[in-house]
């Protein structure tokens, strides 16, 4: 269970870590506008726009992973397979952001898919444990 909790902690941090490249892009664009950051973000192009998308998608993905973790923990299904899936999810999500930053769209999409399939598989394994 310890691995699952550590993965949960890291997953919660990922969207905030993904904010760093966005903040750098905003600062380069015209100095970080803390009064109207969303307006400034809407004007970003290139790397800045990709950094914003990676940051936002990190929150979206966290929702799916959080539901999977809740199901895994409530069914007490913290098997080694589930732990490997949780770690794989984290690796895929970090790789997803990197692929977004460097504009490798096909690899980014593959990392997105892996990042989606891991929590879905975690849920499926928990369901099969109940049967």
Protein backbone atom coordinates (compact mmCIF):
# COMPACT_ATOMS: atom_id res chain seq x y z
CA UNK A 1 0.00 0.00 0.00
CA UNK A 2 2.95 2.32 0.63
CA UNK A 3 3.82 2.43 -3.09
CA UNK A 4 0.24 3.39 -3.95
CA UNK A 5 0.23 6.24 -1.43
CA UNK A 6 3.60 7.52 -2.65
CA UNK A 7 2.29 7.38 -6.23
CA UNK A 8 -0.80 9.32 -5.14
CA UNK A 9 1.40 12.01 -3.57
CA UNK A 10 3.55 12.33 -6.68
CA UNK A 11 0.48 12.40 -8.93
CA UNK A 12 -0.95 15.29 -6.92
CA UNK A 13 2.31 17.20 -7.36
CA UNK A 14 2.57 16.65 -11.13
CA UNK A 15 0.13 19.39 -12.24
CA UNK A 16 1.97 21.90 -10.08
CA UNK A 17 5.35 20.80 -11.37
CA UNK A 18 3.94 21.11 -14.89
CA UNK A 19 3.21 24.75 -14.07
CA UNK A 20 6.93 25.63 -13.93
CA UNK A 21 7.53 25.57 -17.72
CA UNK A 22 4.28 27.48 -18.19
CA UNK A 23 5.40 30.15 -15.73
CA UNK A 24 8.74 30.41 -17.53
CA UNK A 25 6.96 30.84 -20.87
CA UNK A 26 4.66 33.47 -19.40
CA UNK A 27 7.61 35.36 -17.95
CA UNK A 28 9.42 35.30 -21.29
CA UNK A 29 6.30 36.43 -23.14
CA UNK A 30 5.87 39.72 -21.31
CA UNK A 31 6.68 39.21 -17.65
CA UNK A 32 4.40 37.00 -15.61
CA UNK A 33 1.05 38.77 -15.19
CA UNK A 34 -0.13 37.71 -11.76
CA UNK A 35 -3.13 40.06 -11.96
CA UNK A 36 -4.57 38.38 -15.08
CA UNK A 37 -2.64 35.13 -15.60
CA UNK A 38 -5.41 33.39 -17.53
CA UNK A 39 -5.67 36.25 -19.99
CA UNK A 40 -1.92 36.07 -20.50
CA UNK A 41 -2.06 32.29 -20.88
CA UNK A 42 -4.75 32.61 -23.55
CA UNK A 43 -2.34 34.71 -25.64
CA UNK A 44 0.53 32.23 -25.48
CA UNK A 45 1.69 30.49 -28.64
CA UNK A 46 4.26 27.81 -29.42
CA UNK A 47 6.02 26.43 -26.37
CA UNK A 48 3.90 28.51 -24.00
CA UNK A 49 0.63 27.19 -25.43
CA UNK A 50 1.95 23.62 -25.25
CA UNK A 51 3.08 24.15 -21.64
CA UNK A 52 -0.39 25.44 -20.77
CA UNK A 53 -2.02 22.42 -22.40
CA UNK A 54 0.30 20.02 -20.54
CA UNK A 55 -0.45 21.77 -17.25
CA UNK A 56 -4.22 21.66 -17.78
CA UNK A 57 -4.19 18.06 -18.97
CA UNK A 58 -2.26 17.08 -15.85
CA UNK A 59 -5.27 18.09 -13.74
CA UNK A 60 -7.65 16.24 -16.07
CA UNK A 61 -5.60 13.07 -15.84
CA UNK A 62 -5.31 13.35 -12.08
CA UNK A 63 -9.09 12.97 -11.79
CA UNK A 64 -9.06 9.59 -13.54
CA UNK A 65 -6.05 8.38 -11.56
CA UNK A 66 -7.64 9.55 -8.29
CA UNK A 67 -10.79 7.54 -8.98
CA UNK A 68 -8.64 4.50 -9.77
CA UNK A 69 -6.72 4.96 -6.52
CA UNK A 70 -9.93 5.27 -4.52
CA UNK A 71 -11.22 2.02 -6.02
CA UNK A 72 -7.90 0.24 -5.54
CA UNK A 73 -7.69 1.28 -1.90
CA UNK A 74 -11.36 0.59 -1.15
CA UNK A 75 -11.06 -2.93 -2.58
CA UNK A 76 -7.68 -3.45 -0.90
CA UNK A 77 -6.22 -4.37 -4.29
CA UNK A 78 -2.65 -3.16 -3.90
CA UNK A 79 -1.08 -6.07 -5.75
CA UNK A 80 2.32 -5.75 -7.39
CA UNK A 81 0.55 -5.44 -10.76
CA UNK A 82 -1.47 -2.47 -9.52
CA UNK A 83 1.68 -0.91 -8.07
CA UNK A 84 3.50 -1.31 -11.39
CA UNK A 85 0.52 0.24 -13.18
CA UNK A 86 0.57 3.22 -10.79
CA UNK A 87 4.29 3.75 -11.34
CA UNK A 88 3.86 3.35 -15.10
CA UNK A 89 1.12 5.96 -15.00
CA UNK A 90 3.49 8.44 -13.35
CA UNK A 91 6.28 7.76 -15.83
CA UNK A 92 3.85 8.12 -18.74
CA UNK A 93 2.51 11.41 -17.38
CA UNK A 94 5.99 12.90 -16.95
CA UNK A 95 6.91 11.71 -20.44
CA UNK A 96 3.63 13.16 -21.74
CA UNK A 97 4.54 16.62 -20.48
CA UNK A 98 8.07 16.38 -21.87
CA UNK A 99 6.75 15.26 -25.26
CA UNK A 100 4.33 18.19 -25.21
CA UNK A 101 7.08 20.67 -24.37
CA UNK A 102 9.34 19.47 -27.16
CA UNK A 103 6.44 19.13 -29.60
CA UNK A 104 6.57 15.40 -30.33
CA UNK A 105 2.86 14.89 -30.96
CA UNK A 106 2.75 11.19 -31.75
CA UNK A 107 4.86 10.18 -28.75
CA UNK A 108 2.83 12.58 -26.63
CA UNK A 109 -0.38 10.85 -27.74
CA UNK A 110 1.13 7.44 -26.94
CA UNK A 111 2.08 8.64 -23.44
CA UNK A 112 -1.43 10.04 -23.01
CA UNK A 113 -2.91 6.65 -23.97
CA UNK A 114 -0.63 4.77 -21.57
CA UNK A 115 -1.53 7.28 -18.87
CA UNK A 116 -5.21 6.57 -19.48
CA UNK A 117 -4.95 2.79 -19.78
CA UNK A 118 -3.04 2.37 -16.51
CA UNK A 119 -5.80 3.68 -14.19
CA UNK A 120 -8.51 2.00 -16.27
CA UNK A 121 -6.66 -1.29 -15.89
CA UNK A 122 -6.27 -0.66 -12.16
CA UNK A 123 -10.06 -0.27 -11.93
CA UNK A 124 -10.62 -3.39 -14.03
CA UNK A 125 -8.30 -5.45 -11.85
CA UNK A 126 -10.11 -4.22 -8.74
CA UNK A 127 -13.45 -5.18 -10.25
CA UNK A 128 -12.20 -8.63 -11.16
CA UNK A 129 -10.96 -9.10 -7.59
CA UNK A 130 -14.51 -8.56 -6.34
CA UNK A 131 -15.98 -11.20 -8.64
